[in-house]
Amino acid sequence: MKKIERLIDGRKEISDPLTLLEMPDNLRATAMAILELKEAMAEDVTRITGRGWAIESHYLNTLVRMGFLKKRIGRKVVYYR
């Protein structure tokens, strides 16, 4: 069922271990944080990775452009899943 949902919303499978291993270390840490949190803001990811908000925001947007994540824009914040 989850694979069908992924096909419908157009995301690539990020939880596949081979996919994670193919990613650069910086993106892998961000991707693993999102896997743990399910949906989060860049600020939430910074608490797990220990990096700054700006760099996490950049990495999250990179993962969106690569097709691994989706953005959901809230009132004043952006959620990634």
PDB file of N, CA and C in Angstrom:
ATOM      1  N   MET A   1       0.817  -1.196   0.000  1.00  0.00           N
ATOM      2  CA  MET A   1       0.000   0.000   0.000  1.00  0.00           C
ATOM      3  C   MET A   1       0.861   1.259   0.000  1.00  0.00           C
ATOM      4  N   LYS A   2       1.960   1.247   0.792  1.00  0.00           N
ATOM      5  CA  LYS A   2       2.814   2.434   0.852  1.00  0.00           C
ATOM      6  C   LYS A   2       3.449   2.722  -0.502  1.00  0.00           C
ATOM      7  N   LYS A   3       3.834   1.668  -1.241  1.00  0.00           N
ATOM      8  CA  LYS A   3       4.427   1.878  -2.558  1.00  0.00           C
ATOM      9  C   LYS A   3       3.421   2.529  -3.499  1.00  0.00           C
ATOM     10  N   ILE A   4       2.164   2.122  -3.401  1.00  0.00           N
ATOM     11  CA  ILE A   4       1.129   2.733  -4.235  1.00  0.00           C
ATOM     12  C   ILE A   4       0.966   4.202  -3.873  1.00  0.00           C
ATOM     13  N   GLU A   5       0.963   4.510  -2.572  1.00  0.00           N
ATOM     14  CA  GLU A   5       0.858   5.904  -2.145  1.00  0.00           C
ATOM     15  C   GLU A   5       2.036   6.720  -2.665  1.00  0.00           C
ATOM     16  N   ARG A   6       3.242   6.155  -2.636  1.00  0.00           N
ATOM     17  CA  ARG A   6       4.429   6.858  -3.135  1.00  0.00           C
ATOM     18  C   ARG A   6       4.292   7.122  -4.627  1.00  0.00           C
ATOM     19  N   LEU A   7       3.770   6.143  -5.377  1.00  0.00           N
ATOM     20  CA  LEU A   7       3.586   6.336  -6.811  1.00  0.00           C
ATOM     21  C   LEU A   7       2.575   7.430  -7.097  1.00  0.00           C
ATOM     22  N   ILE A   8       1.535   7.488  -6.287  1.00  0.00           N
ATOM     23  CA  ILE A   8       0.494   8.494  -6.493  1.00  0.00           C
ATOM     24  C   ILE A   8       1.033   9.899  -6.241  1.00  0.00           C
ATOM     25  N   ASP A   9       1.759  10.093  -5.153  1.00  0.00           N
ATOM     26  CA  ASP A   9       2.232  11.449  -4.867  1.00  0.00           C
ATOM     27  C   ASP A   9       3.579  11.764  -5.525  1.00  0.00           C
ATOM     28  N   GLY A  10       4.172  10.828  -6.250  1.00  0.00           N
ATOM     29  CA  GLY A  10       5.340  11.105  -7.075  1.00  0.00           C
ATOM     30  C   GLY A  10       6.683  11.094  -6.381  1.00  0.00           C
ATOM     31  N   ARG A  11       6.749  10.664  -5.128  1.00  0.00           N
ATOM     32  CA  ARG A  11       8.029  10.645  -4.423  1.00  0.00           C
ATOM     33  C   ARG A  11       8.797   9.370  -4.714  1.00  0.00           C
ATOM     34  N   LYS A  12      10.113   9.486  -4.705  1.00  0.00           N
ATOM     35  CA  LYS A  12      10.973   8.317  -4.799  1.00  0.00           C
ATOM     36  C   LYS A  12      11.075   7.686  -3.418  1.00  0.00           C
ATOM     37  N   GLU A  13      11.428   6.412  -3.379  1.00  0.00           N
ATOM     38  CA  GLU A  13      11.536   5.684  -2.113  1.00  0.00           C
ATOM     39  C   GLU A  13      12.823   6.077  -1.399  1.00  0.00           C
ATOM     40  N   ILE A  14      12.696   6.740  -0.266  1.00  0.00           N
ATOM     41  CA  ILE A  14      13.867   7.202   0.481  1.00  0.00           C
ATOM     42  C   ILE A  14      14.304   6.188   1.535  1.00  0.00           C
ATOM     43  N   SER A  15      13.412   5.285   1.919  1.00  0.00           N
ATOM     44  CA  SER A  15      13.742   4.356   2.995  1.00  0.00           C
ATOM     45  C   SER A  15      14.539   3.139   2.517  1.00  0.00           C
ATOM     46  N   ASP A  16      14.756   3.033   1.224  1.00  0.00           N
ATOM     47  CA  ASP A  16      15.551   1.936   0.681  1.00  0.00           C
ATOM     48  C   ASP A  16      17.018   2.128   1.078  1.00  0.00           C
ATOM     49  N   PRO A  17      17.632   1.139   1.726  1.00  0.00           N
ATOM     50  CA  PRO A  17      19.019   1.292   2.189  1.00  0.00           C
ATOM     51  C   PRO A  17      20.010   1.619   1.068  1.00  0.00           C
ATOM     52  N   LEU A  18      19.808   1.046  -0.115  1.00  0.00           N
ATOM     53  CA  LEU A  18      20.722   1.331  -1.227  1.00  0.00           C
ATOM     54  C   LEU A  18      20.604   2.785  -1.684  1.00  0.00           C
ATOM     55  N   THR A  19      19.393   3.289  -1.675  1.00  0.00           N
ATOM     56  CA  THR A  19      19.193   4.696  -2.036  1.00  0.00           C
ATOM     57  C   THR A  19      19.922   5.599  -1.049  1.00  0.00           C
ATOM     58  N   LEU A  20      19.800   5.297   0.229  1.00  0.00           N
ATOM     59  CA  LEU A  20      20.482   6.092   1.249  1.00  0.00           C
ATOM     60  C   LEU A  20      21.996   6.014   1.093  1.00  0.00           C
ATOM     61  N   LEU A  21      22.513   4.836   0.778  1.00  0.00           N
ATOM     62  CA  LEU A  21      23.966   4.683   0.619  1.00  0.00           C
ATOM     63  C   LEU A  21      24.505   5.432  -0.593  1.00  0.00           C
ATOM     64  N   GLU A  22      23.671   5.612  -1.604  1.00  0.00           N
ATOM     65  CA  GLU A  22      24.096   6.336  -2.799  1.00  0.00           C
ATOM     66  C   GLU A  22      24.135   7.852  -2.591  1.00  0.00           C
ATOM     67  N   MET A  23      23.474   8.328  -1.548  1.00  0.00           N
ATOM     68  CA  MET A  23      23.426   9.770  -1.280  1.00  0.00           C
ATOM     69  C   MET A  23      24.737  10.240  -0.661  1.00  0.00           C
ATOM     70  N   PRO A  24      25.093  11.505  -0.893  1.00  0.00           N
ATOM     71  CA  PRO A  24      26.232  12.080  -0.167  1.00  0.00           C
ATOM     72  C   PRO A  24      25.931  12.097   1.336  1.00  0.00           C
ATOM     73  N   ASP A  25      26.964  12.085   2.149  1.00  0.00           N
ATOM     74  CA  ASP A  25      26.794  12.015   3.608  1.00  0.00           C
ATOM     75  C   ASP A  25      25.886  13.112   4.158  1.00  0.00           C
ATOM     76  N   ASN A  26      26.049  14.332   3.647  1.00  0.00           N
ATOM     77  CA  ASN A  26      25.252  15.447   4.165  1.00  0.00           C
ATOM     78  C   ASN A  26      23.758  15.237   3.917  1.00  0.00           C
ATOM     79  N   LEU A  27      23.391  14.781   2.713  1.00  0.00           N
ATOM     80  CA  LEU A  27      21.981  14.542   2.409  1.00  0.00           C
ATOM     81  C   LEU A  27      21.457  13.306   3.128  1.00  0.00           C
ATOM     82  N   ARG A  28      22.307  12.309   3.307  1.00  0.00           N
ATOM     83  CA  ARG A  28      21.896  11.084   3.994  1.00  0.00           C
ATOM     84  C   ARG A  28      21.477  11.394   5.434  1.00  0.00           C
ATOM     85  N   ALA A  29      22.238  12.217   6.130  1.00  0.00           N
ATOM     86  CA  ALA A  29      21.899  12.567   7.513  1.00  0.00           C
ATOM     87  C   ALA A  29      20.550  13.280   7.573  1.00  0.00           C
ATOM     88  N   THR A  30      20.318  14.174   6.634  1.00  0.00           N
ATOM     89  CA  THR A  30      19.040  14.888   6.588  1.00  0.00           C
ATOM     90  C   THR A  30      17.902  13.930   6.258  1.00  0.00           C
ATOM     91  N   ALA A  31      18.113  13.049   5.303  1.00  0.00           N
ATOM     92  CA  ALA A  31      17.083  12.082   4.914  1.00  0.00           C
ATOM     93  C   ALA A  31      16.747  11.145   6.068  1.00  0.00           C
ATOM     94  N   MET A  32      17.750  10.698   6.784  1.00  0.00           N
ATOM     95  CA  MET A  32      17.506   9.803   7.911  1.00  0.00           C
ATOM     96  C   MET A  32      16.746  10.517   9.030  1.00  0.00           C
ATOM     97  N   ALA A  33      17.018  11.798   9.217  1.00  0.00           N
ATOM     98  CA  ALA A  33      16.276  12.577  10.217  1.00  0.00           C
ATOM     99  C   ALA A  33      14.803  12.665   9.834  1.00  0.00           C
ATOM    100  N   ILE A  34      14.521  12.903   8.560  1.00  0.00           N
ATOM    101  CA  ILE A  34      13.131  12.968   8.097  1.00  0.00           C
ATOM    102  C   ILE A  34      12.453  11.611   8.235  1.00  0.00           C
ATOM    103  N   LEU A  35      13.175  10.535   7.954  1.00  0.00           N
ATOM    104  CA  LEU A  35      12.597   9.196   8.143  1.00  0.00           C
ATOM    105  C   LEU A  35      12.190   8.982   9.595  1.00  0.00           C
ATOM    106  N   GLU A  36      13.001   9.473  10.502  1.00  0.00           N
ATOM    107  CA  GLU A  36      12.705   9.332  11.930  1.00  0.00           C
ATOM    108  C   GLU A  36      11.518  10.190  12.347  1.00  0.00           C
ATOM    109  N   LEU A  37      11.452  11.409  11.808  1.00  0.00           N
ATOM    110  CA  LEU A  37      10.418  12.358  12.232  1.00  0.00           C
ATOM    111  C   LEU A  37       9.107  12.238  11.449  1.00  0.00           C
ATOM    112  N   LYS A  38       9.126  11.601  10.299  1.00  0.00           N
ATOM    113  CA  LYS A  38       7.977  11.479   9.378  1.00  0.00           C
ATOM    114  C   LYS A  38       7.672  12.793   8.662  1.00  0.00           C
ATOM    115  N   GLU A  39       7.378  13.850   9.402  1.00  0.00           N
ATOM    116  CA  GLU A  39       7.148  15.173   8.831  1.00  0.00           C
ATOM    117  C   GLU A  39       7.747  16.181   9.794  1.00  0.00           C
ATOM    118  N   ALA A  40       8.478  17.151   9.257  1.00  0.00           N
ATOM    119  CA  ALA A  40       9.165  18.082  10.151  1.00  0.00           C
ATOM    120  C   ALA A  40       9.501  19.380   9.445  1.00  0.00           C
ATOM    121  N   MET A  41       9.793  20.382  10.256  1.00  0.00           N
ATOM    122  CA  MET A  41      10.317  21.639   9.758  1.00  0.00           C
ATOM    123  C   MET A  41      11.843  21.537   9.772  1.00  0.00           C
ATOM    124  N   ALA A  42      12.503  22.442   9.073  1.00  0.00           N
ATOM    125  CA  ALA A  42      13.967  22.441   9.056  1.00  0.00           C
ATOM    126  C   ALA A  42      14.519  22.557  10.474  1.00  0.00           C
ATOM    127  N   GLU A  43      13.859  23.326  11.304  1.00  0.00           N
ATOM    128  CA  GLU A  43      14.297  23.502  12.698  1.00  0.00           C
ATOM    129  C   GLU A  43      14.297  22.172  13.462  1.00  0.00           C
ATOM    130  N   ASP A  44      13.295  21.329  13.198  1.00  0.00           N
ATOM    131  CA  ASP A  44      13.237  20.017  13.853  1.00  0.00           C
ATOM    132  C   ASP A  44      14.399  19.135  13.412  1.00  0.00           C
ATOM    133  N   VAL A  45      14.738  19.204  12.137  1.00  0.00           N
ATOM    134  CA  VAL A  45      15.835  18.402  11.596  1.00  0.00           C
ATOM    135  C   VAL A  45      17.160  18.856  12.197  1.00  0.00           C
ATOM    136  N   THR A  46      17.306  20.158  12.448  1.00  0.00           N
ATOM    137  CA  THR A  46      18.561  20.662  13.021  1.00  0.00           C
ATOM    138  C   THR A  46      18.821  20.083  14.403  1.00  0.00           C
ATOM    139  N   ARG A  47      17.757  19.804  15.147  1.00  0.00           N
ATOM    140  CA  ARG A  47      17.928  19.224  16.483  1.00  0.00           C
ATOM    141  C   ARG A  47      18.535  17.823  16.415  1.00  0.00           C
ATOM    142  N   ILE A  48      18.236  17.104  15.356  1.00  0.00           N
ATOM    143  CA  ILE A  48      18.763  15.744  15.206  1.00  0.00           C
ATOM    144  C   ILE A  48      20.170  15.761  14.614  1.00  0.00           C
ATOM    145  N   THR A  49      20.383  16.593  13.583  1.00  0.00           N
ATOM    146  CA  THR A  49      21.671  16.576  12.879  1.00  0.00           C
ATOM    147  C   THR A  49      22.726  17.450  13.537  1.00  0.00           C
ATOM    148  N   GLY A  50      22.302  18.442  14.315  1.00  0.00           N
ATOM    149  CA  GLY A  50      23.257  19.341  14.950  1.00  0.00           C
ATOM    150  C   GLY A  50      23.805  20.414  14.021  1.00  0.00           C
ATOM    151  N   ARG A  51      23.217  20.555  12.854  1.00  0.00           N
ATOM    152  CA  ARG A  51      23.666  21.579  11.901  1.00  0.00           C
ATOM    153  C   ARG A  51      22.742  22.786  11.963  1.00  0.00           C
ATOM    154  N   GLY A  52      23.136  23.853  11.299  1.00  0.00           N
ATOM    155  CA  GLY A  52      22.364  25.086  11.305  1.00  0.00           C
ATOM    156  C   GLY A  52      21.098  24.995  10.468  1.00  0.00           C
ATOM    157  N   TRP A  53      20.151  25.905  10.769  1.00  0.00           N
ATOM    158  CA  TRP A  53      18.877  25.921  10.073  1.00  0.00           C
ATOM    159  C   TRP A  53      19.050  26.157   8.573  1.00  0.00           C
ATOM    160  N   ALA A  54      19.892  27.097   8.191  1.00  0.00           N
ATOM    161  CA  ALA A  54      20.038  27.454   6.776  1.00  0.00           C
ATOM    162  C   ALA A  54      20.540  26.272   5.951  1.00  0.00           C
ATOM    163  N   ILE A  55      21.516  25.548   6.462  1.00  0.00           N
ATOM    164  CA  ILE A  55      22.061  24.422   5.700  1.00  0.00           C
ATOM    165  C   ILE A  55      21.055  23.285   5.630  1.00  0.00           C
ATOM    166  N   GLU A  56      20.317  23.052   6.720  1.00  0.00           N
ATOM    167  CA  GLU A  56      19.285  22.000   6.682  1.00  0.00           C
ATOM    168  C   GLU A  56      18.175  22.368   5.708  1.00  0.00           C
ATOM    169  N   SER A  57      17.797  23.621   5.688  1.00  0.00           N
ATOM    170  CA  SER A  57      16.786  24.070   4.737  1.00  0.00           C
ATOM    171  C   SER A  57      17.268  23.828   3.304  1.00  0.00           C
ATOM    172  N   HIS A  58      18.522  24.114   3.039  1.00  0.00           N
ATOM    173  CA  HIS A  58      19.103  23.871   1.714  1.00  0.00           C
ATOM    174  C   HIS A  58      19.079  22.375   1.376  1.00  0.00           C
ATOM    175  N   TYR A  59      19.504  21.538   2.316  1.00  0.00           N
ATOM    176  CA  TYR A  59      19.521  20.087   2.072  1.00  0.00           C
ATOM    177  C   TYR A  59      18.110  19.540   1.875  1.00  0.00           C
ATOM    178  N   LEU A  60      17.150  20.022   2.658  1.00  0.00           N
ATOM    179  CA  LEU A  60      15.768  19.574   2.505  1.00  0.00           C
ATOM    180  C   LEU A  60      15.215  19.970   1.141  1.00  0.00           C
ATOM    181  N   ASN A  61      15.497  21.192   0.711  1.00  0.00           N
ATOM    182  CA  ASN A  61      15.045  21.627  -0.616  1.00  0.00           C
ATOM    183  C   ASN A  61      15.734  20.841  -1.723  1.00  0.00           C
ATOM    184  N   THR A  62      16.982  20.449  -1.505  1.00  0.00           N
ATOM    185  CA  THR A  62      17.678  19.602  -2.475  1.00  0.00           C
ATOM    186  C   THR A  62      16.988  18.252  -2.586  1.00  0.00           C
ATOM    187  N   LEU A  63      16.611  17.670  -1.459  1.00  0.00           N
ATOM    188  CA  LEU A  63      15.897  16.390  -1.469  1.00  0.00           C
ATOM    189  C   LEU A  63      14.524  16.519  -2.130  1.00  0.00           C
ATOM    190  N   VAL A  64      13.892  17.675  -1.996  1.00  0.00           N
ATOM    191  CA  VAL A  64      12.618  17.924  -2.682  1.00  0.00           C
ATOM    192  C   VAL A  64      12.862  17.946  -4.191  1.00  0.00           C
ATOM    193  N   ARG A  65      13.884  18.685  -4.629  1.00  0.00           N
ATOM    194  CA  ARG A  65      14.191  18.769  -6.059  1.00  0.00           C
ATOM    195  C   ARG A  65      14.568  17.405  -6.642  1.00  0.00           C
ATOM    196  N   MET A  66      15.200  16.556  -5.839  1.00  0.00           N
ATOM    197  CA  MET A  66      15.585  15.220  -6.289  1.00  0.00           C
ATOM    198  C   MET A  66      14.386  14.262  -6.313  1.00  0.00           C
ATOM    199  N   GLY A  67      13.265  14.671  -5.736  1.00  0.00           N
ATOM    200  CA  GLY A  67      12.054  13.865  -5.757  1.00  0.00           C
ATOM    201  C   GLY A  67      11.882  12.942  -4.559  1.00  0.00           C
ATOM    202  N   PHE A  68      12.698  13.102  -3.525  1.00  0.00           N
ATOM    203  CA  PHE A  68      12.606  12.243  -2.349  1.00  0.00           C
ATOM    204  C   PHE A  68      11.639  12.762  -1.297  1.00  0.00           C
ATOM    205  N   LEU A  69      11.416  14.067  -1.250  1.00  0.00           N
ATOM    206  CA  LEU A  69      10.532  14.665  -0.250  1.00  0.00           C
ATOM    207  C   LEU A  69       9.497  15.545  -0.923  1.00  0.00           C
ATOM    208  N   LYS A  70       8.450  15.840  -0.173  1.00  0.00           N
ATOM    209  CA  LYS A  70       7.428  16.798  -0.583  1.00  0.00           C
ATOM    210  C   LYS A  70       7.394  17.923   0.442  1.00  0.00           C
ATOM    211  N   LYS A  71       7.018  19.108  -0.021  1.00  0.00           N
ATOM    212  CA  LYS A  71       6.860  20.265   0.856  1.00  0.00           C
ATOM    213  C   LYS A  71       5.382  20.493   1.124  1.00  0.00           C
ATOM    214  N   ARG A  72       5.087  20.890   2.348  1.00  0.00           N
ATOM    215  CA  ARG A  72       3.742  21.342   2.695  1.00  0.00           C
ATOM    216  C   ARG A  72       3.912  22.677   3.389  1.00  0.00           C
ATOM    217  N   ILE A  73       3.359  23.703   2.792  1.00  0.00           N
ATOM    218  CA  ILE A  73       3.530  25.044   3.340  1.00  0.00           C
ATOM    219  C   ILE A  73       2.396  25.342   4.305  1.00  0.00           C
ATOM    220  N   GLY A  74       2.775  25.620   5.556  1.00  0.00           N
ATOM    221  CA  GLY A  74       1.816  25.974   6.593  1.00  0.00           C
ATOM    222  C   GLY A  74       1.646  27.488   6.632  1.00  0.00           C
ATOM    223  N   ARG A  75       1.192  27.998   7.744  1.00  0.00           N
ATOM    224  CA  ARG A  75       0.992  29.445   7.852  1.00  0.00           C
ATOM    225  C   ARG A  75       2.286  30.216   7.646  1.00  0.00           C
ATOM    226  N   LYS A  76       3.282  29.975   8.497  1.00  0.00           N
ATOM    227  CA  LYS A  76       4.548  30.698   8.382  1.00  0.00           C
ATOM    228  C   LYS A  76       5.734  29.754   8.269  1.00  0.00           C
ATOM    229  N   VAL A  77       5.462  28.472   8.163  1.00  0.00           N
ATOM    230  CA  VAL A  77       6.533  27.477   8.132  1.00  0.00           C
ATOM    231  C   VAL A  77       6.337  26.494   6.996  1.00  0.00           C
ATOM    232  N   VAL A  78       7.407  25.801   6.649  1.00  0.00           N
ATOM    233  CA  VAL A  78       7.359  24.777   5.602  1.00  0.00           C
ATOM    234  C   VAL A  78       7.636  23.435   6.262  1.00  0.00           C
ATOM    235  N   TYR A  79       6.759  22.478   5.996  1.00  0.00           N
ATOM    236  CA  TYR A  79       6.940  21.127   6.512  1.00  0.00           C
ATOM    237  C   TYR A  79       7.430  20.234   5.382  1.00  0.00           C
ATOM    238  N   TYR A  80       8.345  19.350   5.700  1.00  0.00           N
ATOM    239  CA  TYR A  80       8.870  18.400   4.733  1.00  0.00           C
ATOM    240  C   TYR A  80       8.467  17.008   5.160  1.00  0.00           C
ATOM    241  N   ARG A  81       8.133  16.158   4.180  1.00  0.00           N
ATOM    242  CA  ARG A  81       7.791  14.770   4.473  1.00  0.00           C
ATOM    243  C   ARG A  81       8.211  13.885   3.333  1.00  0.00           C
TER     244      ARG A  81
END
